[in-house]
Amino acid sequence: MIYIGVDIVANDRIEGAVNKFKDRFFKRVYTENEINYCKDRKEFIPCISARFACKEAVLKAYYQAFGEVLPFKRIEILGKHGKPAKVNIIDDKHSGEYWINISISHEKNYSVAVAVIQKF
């Protein structure tokens, strides 16, 4: 079976959360690896916005596949400049039962992500 999640987010919405909640927002949503990756990018807000959209897309597909709502901090979006992003589900009790593929993109105003899960 194949499960799909998609999400789009306005980058200024994420920027507003960053400005309003500061470190509380980061600690609730992102892992240290994600924060450090985006800090090294020229466009910080689109980078973290794309990861937010991707976490939402993964959450939607994962819920369809397993009936479990994952907290944002258990969904880690790993990047390597110039290569496709990958997802790591932290403490995943379904590890080995599926594969997951993601695609993320961002531009000045919006970030979008798609997640596809295939159960074995």
N, C-alpha and C. Protein backbone atom coordinates (compact mmCIF):
# COMPACT_ATOMS: atom_id res chain seq x y z
N MET A 1 0.84 -1.18 0.00
CA MET A 1 0.00 0.00 0.00
C MET A 1 0.89 1.25 0.00
N ILE A 2 0.43 2.30 -0.67
CA ILE A 2 1.16 3.56 -0.74
C ILE A 2 0.33 4.65 -0.07
N TYR A 3 1.02 5.49 0.70
CA TYR A 3 0.38 6.59 1.44
C TYR A 3 1.12 7.88 1.10
N ILE A 4 0.36 8.95 0.90
CA ILE A 4 0.94 10.22 0.48
C ILE A 4 0.50 11.34 1.42
N GLY A 5 1.44 12.21 1.75
CA GLY A 5 1.15 13.42 2.51
C GLY A 5 1.74 14.61 1.77
N VAL A 6 1.07 15.73 1.82
CA VAL A 6 1.56 16.95 1.18
C VAL A 6 1.26 18.14 2.09
N ASP A 7 2.11 19.15 2.04
CA ASP A 7 1.86 20.35 2.83
C ASP A 7 2.52 21.55 2.15
N ILE A 8 1.90 22.70 2.32
CA ILE A 8 2.47 23.96 1.85
C ILE A 8 2.35 24.96 2.99
N VAL A 9 3.34 25.79 3.16
CA VAL A 9 3.34 26.77 4.23
C VAL A 9 3.85 28.11 3.70
N ALA A 10 3.22 29.18 4.16
CA ALA A 10 3.71 30.52 3.84
C ALA A 10 4.93 30.79 4.72
N ASN A 11 6.03 31.16 4.10
CA ASN A 11 7.26 31.37 4.85
C ASN A 11 7.13 32.48 5.90
N ASP A 12 6.30 33.49 5.62
CA ASP A 12 6.13 34.56 6.61
C ASP A 12 5.39 34.07 7.86
N ARG A 13 4.60 33.02 7.73
CA ARG A 13 3.94 32.43 8.90
C ARG A 13 4.97 31.82 9.85
N ILE A 14 5.94 31.10 9.28
CA ILE A 14 7.00 30.50 10.09
C ILE A 14 7.89 31.60 10.67
N GLU A 15 8.17 32.62 9.89
CA GLU A 15 8.97 33.74 10.38
C GLU A 15 8.27 34.42 11.56
N GLY A 16 6.95 34.54 11.49
CA GLY A 16 6.19 35.10 12.60
C GLY A 16 6.31 34.26 13.86
N ALA A 17 6.25 32.95 13.71
CA ALA A 17 6.41 32.05 14.87
C ALA A 17 7.81 32.16 15.45
N VAL A 18 8.81 32.27 14.59
CA VAL A 18 10.20 32.43 15.06
C VAL A 18 10.34 33.72 15.84
N ASN A 19 9.80 34.82 15.30
CA ASN A 19 9.91 36.11 15.98
C ASN A 19 9.13 36.15 17.28
N LYS A 20 7.98 35.50 17.31
CA LYS A 20 7.13 35.54 18.51
C LYS A 20 7.62 34.60 19.61
N PHE A 21 7.96 33.37 19.24
CA PHE A 21 8.27 32.35 20.25
C PHE A 21 9.75 32.03 20.40
N LYS A 22 10.56 32.51 19.46
CA LYS A 22 12.02 32.33 19.50
C LYS A 22 12.43 30.89 19.76
N ASP A 23 13.27 30.66 20.77
CA ASP A 23 13.81 29.33 21.05
C ASP A 23 12.74 28.30 21.40
N ARG A 24 11.65 28.73 22.00
CA ARG A 24 10.57 27.77 22.32
C ARG A 24 10.04 27.10 21.07
N PHE A 25 9.91 27.87 19.99
CA PHE A 25 9.45 27.32 18.72
C PHE A 25 10.44 26.29 18.19
N PHE A 26 11.71 26.65 18.18
CA PHE A 26 12.74 25.73 17.68
C PHE A 26 12.80 24.46 18.50
N LYS A 27 12.76 24.59 19.81
CA LYS A 27 12.87 23.42 20.70
C LYS A 27 11.66 22.49 20.56
N ARG A 28 10.52 23.04 20.24
CA ARG A 28 9.30 22.24 20.10
C ARG A 28 9.21 21.52 18.76
N VAL A 29 9.79 22.11 17.72
CA VAL A 29 9.58 21.62 16.36
C VAL A 29 10.81 20.95 15.73
N TYR A 30 11.99 21.49 15.95
CA TYR A 30 13.18 21.09 15.19
C TYR A 30 14.22 20.37 16.05
N THR A 31 14.99 19.50 15.39
CA THR A 31 16.13 18.87 16.05
C THR A 31 17.35 19.79 15.89
N GLU A 32 18.37 19.52 16.67
CA GLU A 32 19.61 20.30 16.56
C GLU A 32 20.21 20.19 15.15
N ASN A 33 20.16 18.99 14.56
CA ASN A 33 20.69 18.81 13.20
C ASN A 33 19.98 19.70 12.20
N GLU A 34 18.66 19.81 12.32
CA GLU A 34 17.89 20.64 11.40
C GLU A 34 18.22 22.12 11.58
N ILE A 35 18.30 22.56 12.81
CA ILE A 35 18.61 23.97 13.09
C ILE A 35 20.00 24.31 12.56
N ASN A 36 20.97 23.45 12.85
CA ASN A 36 22.35 23.70 12.39
C ASN A 36 22.44 23.71 10.87
N TYR A 37 21.73 22.80 10.20
CA TYR A 37 21.75 22.77 8.74
C TYR A 37 21.21 24.09 8.18
N CYS A 38 20.10 24.56 8.70
CA CYS A 38 19.49 25.77 8.16
C CYS A 38 20.29 27.03 8.51
N LYS A 39 20.97 27.02 9.65
CA LYS A 39 21.80 28.18 10.01
C LYS A 39 22.91 28.40 8.99
N ASP A 40 23.35 27.34 8.36
CA ASP A 40 24.41 27.44 7.35
C ASP A 40 23.90 27.87 5.99
N ARG A 41 22.61 27.95 5.81
CA ARG A 41 22.02 28.33 4.53
C ARG A 41 21.89 29.85 4.44
N LYS A 42 21.97 30.35 3.23
CA LYS A 42 21.80 31.78 2.96
C LYS A 42 20.39 32.24 3.32
N GLU A 43 19.41 31.42 3.01
CA GLU A 43 18.00 31.74 3.27
C GLU A 43 17.49 30.89 4.43
N PHE A 44 17.66 31.37 5.65
CA PHE A 44 17.31 30.61 6.86
C PHE A 44 15.81 30.33 6.95
N ILE A 45 14.97 31.34 6.81
CA ILE A 45 13.52 31.16 6.98
C ILE A 45 12.94 30.19 5.95
N PRO A 46 13.23 30.32 4.65
CA PRO A 46 12.73 29.31 3.71
C PRO A 46 13.22 27.90 4.03
N CYS A 47 14.44 27.78 4.54
CA CYS A 47 14.97 26.47 4.88
C CYS A 47 14.18 25.82 6.02
N ILE A 48 13.93 26.56 7.10
CA ILE A 48 13.18 25.95 8.20
C ILE A 48 11.71 25.81 7.85
N SER A 49 11.20 26.70 7.00
CA SER A 49 9.81 26.57 6.54
C SER A 49 9.63 25.29 5.72
N ALA A 50 10.58 25.00 4.86
CA ALA A 50 10.50 23.78 4.06
C ALA A 50 10.53 22.55 4.96
N ARG A 51 11.32 22.58 6.01
CA ARG A 51 11.36 21.45 6.94
C ARG A 51 10.04 21.33 7.73
N PHE A 52 9.44 22.45 8.05
CA PHE A 52 8.14 22.42 8.71
C PHE A 52 7.10 21.76 7.79
N ALA A 53 7.06 22.20 6.53
CA ALA A 53 6.13 21.62 5.57
C ALA A 53 6.39 20.13 5.40
N CYS A 54 7.65 19.74 5.39
CA CYS A 54 7.99 18.34 5.21
C CYS A 54 7.56 17.51 6.42
N LYS A 55 7.74 18.05 7.61
CA LYS A 55 7.30 17.34 8.82
C LYS A 55 5.79 17.11 8.76
N GLU A 56 5.05 18.12 8.33
CA GLU A 56 3.60 17.99 8.18
C GLU A 56 3.23 16.92 7.15
N ALA A 57 3.93 16.92 6.02
CA ALA A 57 3.66 15.93 4.98
C ALA A 57 3.96 14.51 5.48
N VAL A 58 5.08 14.34 6.18
CA VAL A 58 5.44 13.04 6.73
C VAL A 58 4.41 12.61 7.77
N LEU A 59 4.02 13.54 8.63
CA LEU A 59 3.02 13.25 9.66
C LEU A 59 1.74 12.71 9.03
N LYS A 60 1.29 13.33 7.95
CA LYS A 60 0.06 12.92 7.28
C LYS A 60 0.18 11.53 6.67
N ALA A 61 1.27 11.27 5.97
CA ALA A 61 1.46 9.96 5.34
C ALA A 61 1.64 8.87 6.40
N TYR A 62 2.40 9.17 7.45
CA TYR A 62 2.66 8.20 8.51
C TYR A 62 1.36 7.84 9.24
N TYR A 63 0.53 8.83 9.48
CA TYR A 63 -0.75 8.57 10.13
C TYR A 63 -1.63 7.65 9.27
N GLN A 64 -1.65 7.91 7.97
CA GLN A 64 -2.43 7.04 7.08
C GLN A 64 -1.92 5.60 7.12
N ALA A 65 -0.61 5.46 7.16
CA ALA A 65 0.00 4.12 7.12
C ALA A 65 -0.13 3.37 8.43
N PHE A 66 0.04 4.07 9.57
CA PHE A 66 0.14 3.38 10.85
C PHE A 66 -0.86 3.84 11.92
N GLY A 67 -1.65 4.87 11.63
CA GLY A 67 -2.63 5.34 12.60
C GLY A 67 -2.00 6.00 13.82
N GLU A 68 -0.79 6.51 13.66
CA GLU A 68 -0.06 7.13 14.77
C GLU A 68 0.32 8.56 14.38
N VAL A 69 0.02 9.52 15.26
CA VAL A 69 0.41 10.90 15.04
C VAL A 69 1.79 11.10 15.67
N LEU A 70 2.77 11.41 14.82
CA LEU A 70 4.13 11.62 15.31
C LEU A 70 4.31 13.06 15.80
N PRO A 71 4.98 13.26 16.92
CA PRO A 71 5.37 14.62 17.32
C PRO A 71 6.42 15.15 16.33
N PHE A 72 6.43 16.45 16.12
CA PHE A 72 7.38 17.06 15.19
C PHE A 72 8.83 16.68 15.49
N LYS A 73 9.19 16.62 16.76
CA LYS A 73 10.59 16.35 17.13
C LYS A 73 11.03 14.93 16.77
N ARG A 74 10.09 14.02 16.52
CA ARG A 74 10.46 12.66 16.11
C ARG A 74 10.66 12.54 14.60
N ILE A 75 10.30 13.60 13.89
CA ILE A 75 10.49 13.63 12.44
C ILE A 75 11.67 14.56 12.16
N GLU A 76 12.76 13.98 11.69
CA GLU A 76 13.97 14.77 11.43
C GLU A 76 14.25 14.78 9.93
N ILE A 77 14.33 15.98 9.37
CA ILE A 77 14.61 16.13 7.94
C ILE A 77 16.10 16.44 7.79
N LEU A 78 16.79 15.50 7.18
CA LEU A 78 18.24 15.60 7.04
C LEU A 78 18.58 16.09 5.65
N GLY A 79 19.46 17.07 5.59
CA GLY A 79 19.85 17.62 4.29
C GLY A 79 21.35 17.57 4.09
N LYS A 80 21.71 17.55 2.85
CA LYS A 80 23.11 17.66 2.45
C LYS A 80 23.08 18.51 1.19
N HIS A 81 23.72 19.66 1.24
CA HIS A 81 23.63 20.63 0.14
C HIS A 81 23.87 19.96 -1.21
N GLY A 82 22.95 20.18 -2.13
CA GLY A 82 23.06 19.65 -3.47
C GLY A 82 22.54 18.23 -3.64
N LYS A 83 22.05 17.62 -2.55
CA LYS A 83 21.52 16.26 -2.61
C LYS A 83 20.10 16.26 -2.06
N PRO A 84 19.30 15.26 -2.46
CA PRO A 84 17.92 15.21 -1.95
C PRO A 84 17.89 15.04 -0.42
N ALA A 85 16.91 15.64 0.19
CA ALA A 85 16.71 15.50 1.64
C ALA A 85 16.24 14.10 1.96
N LYS A 86 16.51 13.69 3.19
CA LYS A 86 16.05 12.40 3.70
C LYS A 86 15.34 12.62 5.02
N VAL A 87 14.54 11.65 5.41
CA VAL A 87 13.81 11.75 6.67
C VAL A 87 14.27 10.64 7.60
N ASN A 88 14.38 10.99 8.86
CA ASN A 88 14.69 10.04 9.92
C ASN A 88 13.56 10.10 10.94
N ILE A 89 12.90 8.97 11.17
CA ILE A 89 11.88 8.91 12.21
C ILE A 89 12.58 8.40 13.47
N ILE A 90 12.64 9.23 14.48
CA ILE A 90 13.34 8.91 15.72
C ILE A 90 12.47 7.97 16.55
N ASP A 91 13.09 6.92 17.11
CA ASP A 91 12.39 5.90 17.90
C ASP A 91 11.21 5.31 17.14
N ASP A 92 11.47 4.88 15.91
CA ASP A 92 10.43 4.38 15.02
C ASP A 92 10.13 2.90 15.30
N LYS A 93 8.97 2.62 15.86
CA LYS A 93 8.60 1.23 16.15
C LYS A 93 8.20 0.45 14.89
N HIS A 94 8.06 1.15 13.77
CA HIS A 94 7.70 0.49 12.51
C HIS A 94 8.90 0.38 11.56
N SER A 95 10.08 0.67 12.06
CA SER A 95 11.28 0.61 11.23
C SER A 95 11.40 -0.75 10.55
N GLY A 96 11.73 -0.71 9.26
CA GLY A 96 11.86 -1.94 8.49
C GLY A 96 10.57 -2.42 7.86
N GLU A 97 9.44 -1.77 8.19
CA GLU A 97 8.15 -2.17 7.63
C GLU A 97 7.75 -1.34 6.40
N TYR A 98 8.55 -0.33 6.07
CA TYR A 98 8.18 0.59 5.01
C TYR A 98 9.41 1.33 4.50
N TRP A 99 9.25 2.00 3.37
CA TRP A 99 10.23 2.99 2.96
C TRP A 99 9.49 4.31 2.82
N ILE A 100 10.25 5.38 2.97
CA ILE A 100 9.67 6.72 2.87
C ILE A 100 10.55 7.56 1.96
N ASN A 101 9.91 8.33 1.10
CA ASN A 101 10.62 9.23 0.22
C ASN A 101 9.96 10.60 0.34
N ILE A 102 10.79 11.64 0.34
CA ILE A 102 10.29 13.00 0.49
C ILE A 102 10.83 13.88 -0.62
N SER A 103 10.11 14.94 -0.89
CA SER A 103 10.58 15.98 -1.79
C SER A 103 10.15 17.31 -1.19
N ILE A 104 11.11 18.23 -1.07
CA ILE A 104 10.80 19.55 -0.52
C ILE A 104 11.32 20.63 -1.46
N SER A 105 10.65 21.77 -1.41
CA SER A 105 11.06 22.90 -2.22
C SER A 105 10.61 24.19 -1.54
N HIS A 106 11.35 25.24 -1.79
CA HIS A 106 10.95 26.54 -1.26
C HIS A 106 11.39 27.64 -2.20
N GLU A 107 10.70 28.74 -2.06
CA GLU A 107 11.04 29.97 -2.77
C GLU A 107 10.76 31.12 -1.82
N LYS A 108 10.73 32.32 -2.28
CA LYS A 108 10.62 33.48 -1.40
C LYS A 108 9.41 33.44 -0.47
N ASN A 109 8.24 33.08 -0.98
CA ASN A 109 7.01 33.19 -0.19
C ASN A 109 6.47 31.89 0.37
N TYR A 110 6.76 30.76 -0.27
CA TYR A 110 6.15 29.50 0.12
C TYR A 110 7.16 28.36 0.15
N SER A 111 6.85 27.37 0.97
CA SER A 111 7.60 26.11 1.01
C SER A 111 6.59 24.98 0.88
N VAL A 112 6.98 23.93 0.18
CA VAL A 112 6.09 22.81 -0.09
C VAL A 112 6.85 21.51 0.09
N ALA A 113 6.12 20.47 0.47
CA ALA A 113 6.74 19.15 0.64
C ALA A 113 5.73 18.05 0.35
N VAL A 114 6.27 16.93 -0.12
CA VAL A 114 5.49 15.72 -0.37
C VAL A 114 6.23 14.57 0.29
N ALA A 115 5.48 13.68 0.92
CA ALA A 115 6.03 12.46 1.51
C ALA A 115 5.25 11.27 0.99
N VAL A 116 5.98 10.23 0.61
CA VAL A 116 5.37 9.00 0.11
C VAL A 116 5.90 7.85 0.96
N ILE A 117 4.98 7.08 1.51
CA ILE A 117 5.33 5.90 2.30
C ILE A 117 4.78 4.67 1.58
N GLN A 118 5.63 3.67 1.45
CA GLN A 118 5.16 2.38 0.93
C GLN A 118 5.43 1.32 2.00
N LYS A 119 4.36 0.67 2.42
CA LYS A 119 4.49 -0.41 3.39
C LYS A 119 4.82 -1.69 2.65
N PHE A 120 5.67 -2.51 3.28
CA PHE A 120 6.05 -3.81 2.70
C PHE A 120 5.01 -4.84 3.01
